């Protein structure tokens, strides 16, 4: 009897709550009703451009950082540069991705791919809005990048325990990337079906001597080769390796030299001719003050590839 007397009021309360919820919903305007929670669609949903933040540089320029969210759980979407994938003003157009994989990550990031590319606005145009437009599957979104709120302001300064964006070069004397905008390698020539080598030099730039909490003054870096633009996804011999995996296996012959630089290599095979851009992301997520949720802790670089028959 005690069990029944406990359950009955609960059932009554639940039914009452449902009834009142139904009445309240019926009183709402049409455009505010019927927004049930739903599982992520496998395909046919939107690709949403994301503005991740901005950095005020020492020379007065402003760097705008962008990413995206593929709302599909399975569909990988390609949107060529043009009316459905464009940046305004047009002077900044062309650096955005055309290839949008589907991601599912834990924590704050979720389905986002953050810091995919960046553009730097000259000092005399600091108030310019950089707008990325994306249209797919009947959905159209435009996201403005603007340096008008502190909530989106970011920094190139180090992390809490001295982590810095890793460095990337394509040669010892070449230009260096330490952020999202990245540097570009010389164009690589390839043939359909034949393997081509992609390589870069990477370096951990953390300044950790002041922080005794650090277990090590250097951390192994993770790398991922990602198709940024192109007609078909290439096959990589090793698309990604985490810092932990690199430390355990010394993968890709990546033991750091005396100058702190390591060479990372992958073999890429392309099945379709055309012009490609491959993005290399380098991270220091093994550091105690670093993770993908942060924006302090990885850098981009890009490899243009022309594939012929």
Protein backbone atom coordinates (compact mmCIF):
# COMPACT_ATOMS: atom_id res chain seq x y z
CA UNK A 1 0.00 0.00 0.00
CA UNK A 2 2.83 2.38 0.75
CA UNK A 3 4.22 1.89 -2.74
CA UNK A 4 0.89 2.67 -4.34
CA UNK A 5 0.36 5.77 -2.21
CA UNK A 6 3.79 7.06 -3.29
CA UNK A 7 3.40 6.40 -7.01
CA UNK A 8 -0.13 7.70 -7.43
CA UNK A 9 0.66 11.33 -6.55
CA UNK A 10 3.69 11.21 -8.83
CA UNK A 11 1.61 9.97 -11.75
CA UNK A 12 -0.99 12.63 -11.10
CA UNK A 13 1.65 15.35 -10.93
CA UNK A 14 3.21 14.14 -14.17
CA UNK A 15 -0.12 14.11 -16.00
CA UNK A 16 -0.90 17.58 -14.68
CA UNK A 17 2.49 18.88 -15.89
CA UNK A 18 1.94 17.41 -19.35
CA UNK A 19 -1.56 18.92 -19.50
CA UNK A 20 -0.33 22.39 -18.52
CA UNK A 21 2.57 22.11 -20.94
CA UNK A 22 0.15 21.28 -23.75
CA UNK A 23 -2.08 24.23 -22.86
CA UNK A 24 0.92 26.57 -22.67
CA UNK A 25 2.19 25.36 -26.05
CA UNK A 26 -1.22 25.90 -27.63
CA UNK A 27 -1.19 29.49 -26.40
CA UNK A 28 2.17 30.22 -28.03
CA UNK A 29 2.31 31.85 -31.48
CA UNK A 30 2.67 29.36 -34.35
CA UNK A 31 6.31 30.24 -35.03
CA UNK A 32 7.30 29.41 -31.43
CA UNK A 33 5.64 25.97 -31.22
CA UNK A 34 6.79 22.48 -32.05
CA UNK A 35 10.54 22.52 -31.59
CA UNK A 36 11.10 18.97 -30.28
CA UNK A 37 14.57 17.70 -29.51
CA UNK A 38 15.70 15.52 -32.40
CA UNK A 39 18.65 13.33 -33.19
CA UNK A 40 21.19 14.55 -35.69
CA UNK A 41 20.22 13.81 -39.32
CA UNK A 42 22.49 11.47 -41.27
CA UNK A 43 22.40 13.66 -44.38
CA UNK A 44 20.66 16.58 -46.03
CA UNK A 45 21.24 19.06 -43.22
CA UNK A 46 23.11 22.35 -43.15
CA UNK A 47 26.77 23.27 -43.14
CA UNK A 48 27.09 26.21 -40.78
CA UNK A 49 29.96 28.71 -40.96
CA UNK A 50 31.36 29.67 -37.56
CA UNK A 51 33.24 32.75 -36.39
CA UNK A 52 35.70 31.63 -33.73
CA UNK A 53 37.22 34.96 -32.75
CA UNK A 54 39.62 37.76 -33.60
CA UNK A 55 43.15 38.80 -32.68
CA UNK A 56 44.49 42.35 -32.65
CA UNK A 57 48.05 42.13 -33.97
CA UNK A 58 50.95 44.34 -32.92
CA UNK A 59 51.09 46.00 -36.34
CA UNK A 60 47.47 47.16 -36.07
CA UNK A 61 46.03 44.47 -38.35
CA UNK A 62 43.22 42.19 -37.22
CA UNK A 63 43.09 38.43 -37.77
CA UNK A 64 39.63 36.87 -38.12
CA UNK A 65 39.41 33.12 -37.37
CA UNK A 66 36.70 30.85 -38.80
CA UNK A 67 35.53 27.26 -38.54
CA UNK A 68 32.40 25.30 -39.44
CA UNK A 69 29.86 22.78 -38.19
CA UNK A 70 28.60 19.97 -40.42
CA UNK A 71 25.20 19.21 -38.89
CA UNK A 72 25.02 15.82 -40.64
CA UNK A 73 26.13 12.76 -38.71
CA UNK A 74 27.39 10.90 -41.80
CA UNK A 75 27.30 13.02 -44.94
CA UNK A 76 30.58 14.59 -45.98
CA UNK A 77 29.76 17.68 -48.02
CA UNK A 78 31.69 19.49 -50.74
CA UNK A 79 30.71 23.06 -51.66
CA UNK A 80 32.88 24.58 -54.42
CA UNK A 81 34.03 28.17 -54.23
CA UNK A 82 31.41 30.42 -55.76
CA UNK A 83 27.94 31.72 -55.03
CA UNK A 84 27.27 28.98 -52.43
CA UNK A 85 30.66 29.32 -50.70
CA UNK A 86 32.05 32.81 -50.74
CA UNK A 87 33.62 35.46 -48.52
CA UNK A 88 32.93 39.16 -48.70
CA UNK A 89 34.71 41.50 -49.27
CA UNK A 90 35.97 39.58 -52.30
CA UNK A 91 39.62 40.39 -51.54
CA UNK A 92 39.48 37.80 -48.73
CA UNK A 93 37.65 35.15 -50.78
CA UNK A 94 39.23 31.83 -51.74
CA UNK A 95 41.01 30.72 -48.56
CA UNK A 96 37.98 28.97 -47.03
CA UNK A 97 37.45 25.20 -47.23
CA UNK A 98 35.30 23.52 -49.85
CA UNK A 99 35.37 20.13 -48.08
CA UNK A 100 33.30 19.64 -44.92
CA UNK A 101 33.76 16.35 -43.05
CA UNK A 102 31.39 15.29 -40.29
CA UNK A 103 32.79 15.42 -36.75
CA UNK A 104 31.59 14.24 -33.36
CA UNK A 105 33.79 15.37 -30.49
CA UNK A 106 33.25 15.46 -26.77
CA UNK A 107 33.08 18.58 -24.65
CA UNK A 108 32.62 22.15 -25.76
CA UNK A 109 33.68 21.58 -29.38
CA UNK A 110 31.06 18.97 -30.27
CA UNK A 111 30.46 18.85 -34.04
CA UNK A 112 32.57 21.93 -34.76
CA UNK A 113 35.82 22.04 -36.70
CA UNK A 114 37.47 25.15 -35.25
CA UNK A 115 40.19 27.41 -36.57
CA UNK A 116 40.08 26.00 -40.11
CA UNK A 117 41.34 29.22 -41.68
CA UNK A 118 41.87 32.90 -40.93
CA UNK A 119 42.16 36.18 -42.79
CA UNK A 120 44.03 39.30 -41.74
CA UNK A 121 42.36 42.65 -42.22
CA UNK A 122 44.73 45.60 -42.82
CA UNK A 123 44.98 48.25 -40.10
CA UNK A 124 43.24 50.87 -42.23
CA UNK A 125 40.26 48.49 -42.67
CA UNK A 126 40.03 47.37 -39.02
CA UNK A 127 36.27 47.99 -38.85
CA UNK A 128 35.57 45.83 -41.92
CA UNK A 129 33.19 42.89 -41.48
CA UNK A 130 34.45 39.72 -43.12
CA UNK A 131 31.36 37.65 -43.96
CA UNK A 132 31.41 33.95 -44.90
CA UNK A 133 28.35 32.72 -46.82
CA UNK A 134 27.52 28.99 -47.08
CA UNK A 135 24.51 27.36 -48.76
CA UNK A 136 23.71 23.64 -48.85
CA UNK A 137 20.62 21.44 -48.83
CA UNK A 138 18.21 24.36 -48.90
CA UNK A 139 19.90 26.09 -45.97
CA UNK A 140 21.82 29.37 -46.28
CA UNK A 141 23.89 30.92 -43.53
CA UNK A 142 26.12 33.99 -43.35
CA UNK A 143 28.46 34.59 -40.43
CA UNK A 144 30.20 37.95 -39.95
CA UNK A 145 33.68 38.22 -38.54
CA UNK A 146 34.01 41.47 -36.68
CA UNK A 147 36.31 42.91 -34.04
CA UNK A 148 33.65 44.69 -32.02
CA UNK A 149 33.27 42.62 -28.85
CA UNK A 150 35.78 41.57 -26.20
CA UNK A 151 33.94 38.26 -25.81
CA UNK A 152 35.42 37.12 -29.12
CA UNK A 153 38.87 38.63 -28.67
CA UNK A 154 41.70 36.10 -28.62
CA UNK A 155 45.44 36.26 -28.11
CA UNK A 156 48.67 34.76 -29.37
CA UNK A 157 50.04 34.80 -25.81
CA UNK A 158 51.01 31.60 -24.05
CA UNK A 159 48.77 29.28 -22.07
CA UNK A 160 48.58 29.05 -18.29
CA UNK A 161 51.68 26.82 -18.09
CA UNK A 162 53.59 28.27 -21.03
CA UNK A 163 52.06 26.53 -24.05
CA UNK A 164 52.31 28.41 -27.35
CA UNK A 165 51.01 27.70 -30.84
CA UNK A 166 53.37 25.17 -32.47
CA UNK A 167 55.52 26.31 -35.40
CA UNK A 168 55.36 24.89 -38.94
CA UNK A 169 57.75 25.39 -41.85
CA UNK A 170 58.15 23.69 -45.19
CA UNK A 171 61.92 24.22 -45.18
CA UNK A 172 64.46 25.25 -42.57
CA UNK A 173 64.76 28.74 -44.03
CA UNK A 174 61.15 29.03 -45.13
CA UNK A 175 58.30 31.15 -43.77
CA UNK A 176 56.91 30.05 -40.42
CA UNK A 177 53.32 29.55 -39.29
CA UNK A 178 52.38 29.99 -35.64
CA UNK A 179 48.63 30.41 -35.99
CA UNK A 180 45.45 29.70 -37.94
CA UNK A 181 46.18 31.73 -41.05
CA UNK A 182 49.17 29.56 -41.81
CA UNK A 183 51.75 29.54 -44.57
CA UNK A 184 51.64 27.89 -47.98
CA UNK A 185 54.12 25.39 -49.36
CA UNK A 186 55.36 25.44 -52.94
CA UNK A 187 52.90 23.70 -55.24
CA UNK A 188 53.30 19.93 -55.46
CA UNK A 189 52.78 18.11 -58.78
CA UNK A 190 51.17 14.66 -58.72
CA UNK A 191 49.55 12.08 -60.99
CA UNK A 192 46.33 10.18 -60.50
CA UNK A 193 46.96 6.91 -58.68
CA UNK A 194 50.62 7.61 -57.96
CA UNK A 195 51.83 8.27 -54.43
CA UNK A 196 53.30 11.68 -53.64
CA UNK A 197 55.14 12.68 -50.47
CA UNK A 198 53.91 15.61 -48.38
CA UNK A 199 56.22 16.81 -45.63
CA UNK A 200 56.77 19.68 -43.20
CA UNK A 201 58.93 20.69 -40.25
CA UNK A 202 57.26 21.24 -36.87
CA UNK A 203 58.42 22.58 -33.52
CA UNK A 204 56.99 22.88 -30.02
CA UNK A 205 57.34 26.55 -28.99
CA UNK A 206 56.18 26.25 -25.39
CA UNK A 207 57.99 28.41 -22.82
CA UNK A 208 57.65 26.23 -19.73
CA UNK A 209 60.82 26.85 -17.69
CA UNK A 210 59.00 29.18 -15.28
CA UNK A 211 56.38 26.60 -14.36
CA UNK A 212 57.60 23.74 -12.13
CA UNK A 213 54.19 22.06 -12.52
CA UNK A 214 55.16 20.97 -16.03
CA UNK A 215 56.29 17.39 -16.30
CA UNK A 216 58.44 18.23 -19.31
CA UNK A 217 59.74 21.38 -20.99
CA UNK A 218 58.72 20.03 -24.40
CA UNK A 219 55.70 18.00 -25.46
CA UNK A 220 55.23 15.68 -28.45
CA UNK A 221 53.14 17.28 -31.16
CA UNK A 222 50.11 15.82 -32.88
CA UNK A 223 49.53 16.25 -36.61
CA UNK A 224 46.63 15.80 -39.02
CA UNK A 225 46.57 16.11 -42.82
CA UNK A 226 43.12 17.27 -43.99
CA UNK A 227 41.73 17.99 -47.43
CA UNK A 228 40.87 21.68 -47.42
CA UNK A 229 39.89 22.12 -51.07
CA UNK A 230 39.67 19.66 -53.95
CA UNK A 231 37.42 17.48 -56.09
CA UNK A 232 37.85 14.19 -54.18
CA UNK A 233 39.29 13.11 -50.84
CA UNK A 234 42.82 11.70 -51.23
CA UNK A 235 44.10 8.66 -49.39
CA UNK A 236 46.81 9.36 -46.80
CA UNK A 237 49.24 6.75 -45.54
CA UNK A 238 48.86 8.34 -42.10
CA UNK A 239 46.26 11.07 -41.95
CA UNK A 240 46.71 11.79 -38.25
CA UNK A 241 48.82 10.92 -35.25
CA UNK A 242 48.34 12.24 -31.73
CA UNK A 243 51.17 13.56 -29.62
CA UNK A 244 50.80 10.57 -27.33
CA UNK A 245 51.05 8.15 -30.23
CA UNK A 246 54.07 10.01 -31.58
CA UNK A 247 55.80 9.80 -28.19
CA UNK A 248 55.09 6.08 -27.89
CA UNK A 249 56.15 5.10 -31.39
CA UNK A 250 58.36 7.95 -32.62
CA UNK A 251 56.01 7.89 -35.61
CA UNK A 252 56.95 9.34 -39.00
CA UNK A 253 60.66 9.33 -37.99
CA UNK A 254 59.85 12.47 -36.04
CA UNK A 255 62.51 12.54 -33.35
CA UNK A 256 63.37 16.20 -32.82
CA UNK A 257 66.74 17.34 -34.08
CA UNK A 258 69.18 19.48 -32.12
CA UNK A 259 67.35 22.63 -33.23
CA UNK A 260 64.00 21.36 -31.94
CA UNK A 261 62.48 20.82 -35.39
CA UNK A 262 60.98 17.48 -36.43
CA UNK A 263 60.06 16.34 -39.92
CA UNK A 264 56.56 14.94 -40.45
CA UNK A 265 55.72 12.99 -43.58
CA UNK A 266 52.67 11.40 -45.16
CA UNK A 267 52.10 9.71 -48.50
CA UNK A 268 49.07 10.97 -50.43
CA UNK A 269 47.33 9.26 -53.35
CA UNK A 270 44.79 11.14 -55.47
CA UNK A 271 42.08 9.41 -57.52
CA UNK A 272 40.74 12.45 -59.39
CA UNK A 273 42.70 15.13 -61.30
CA UNK A 274 42.39 18.75 -60.30
CA UNK A 275 43.70 21.40 -57.94
CA UNK A 276 43.81 20.62 -54.23
CA UNK A 277 44.83 22.28 -50.99
CA UNK A 278 45.82 20.03 -48.11
CA UNK A 279 45.78 21.53 -44.62
CA UNK A 280 48.29 20.40 -42.01
CA UNK A 281 47.15 21.03 -38.43
CA UNK A 282 49.81 20.73 -35.72
CA UNK A 283 48.78 20.66 -32.05
CA UNK A 284 50.34 20.43 -28.59
CA UNK A 285 47.30 18.89 -26.91
CA UNK A 286 49.52 16.69 -24.71
CA UNK A 287 50.50 19.76 -22.68
CA UNK A 288 48.75 20.21 -19.33
CA UNK A 289 47.41 23.63 -20.36
CA UNK A 290 46.25 22.67 -23.84
CA UNK A 291 43.25 21.01 -25.45
CA UNK A 292 41.15 21.31 -28.60
CA UNK A 293 38.56 23.37 -26.71
CA UNK A 294 41.18 26.13 -26.45
CA UNK A 295 42.36 28.36 -29.29
CA UNK A 296 45.95 28.70 -28.05
CA UNK A 297 47.25 25.35 -29.03
CA UNK A 298 47.47 24.55 -32.71
CA UNK A 299 48.67 26.02 -36.01
CA UNK A 300 47.81 25.52 -39.68
CA UNK A 301 49.84 25.25 -42.87
CA UNK A 302 48.67 24.49 -46.40
CA UNK A 303 50.03 22.45 -49.31
CA UNK A 304 48.68 23.22 -52.82
CA UNK A 305 48.67 20.13 -55.05
CA UNK A 306 47.96 19.89 -58.78
CA UNK A 307 46.97 16.38 -59.91
CA UNK A 308 47.04 15.39 -63.58
CA UNK A 309 46.34 12.17 -65.41
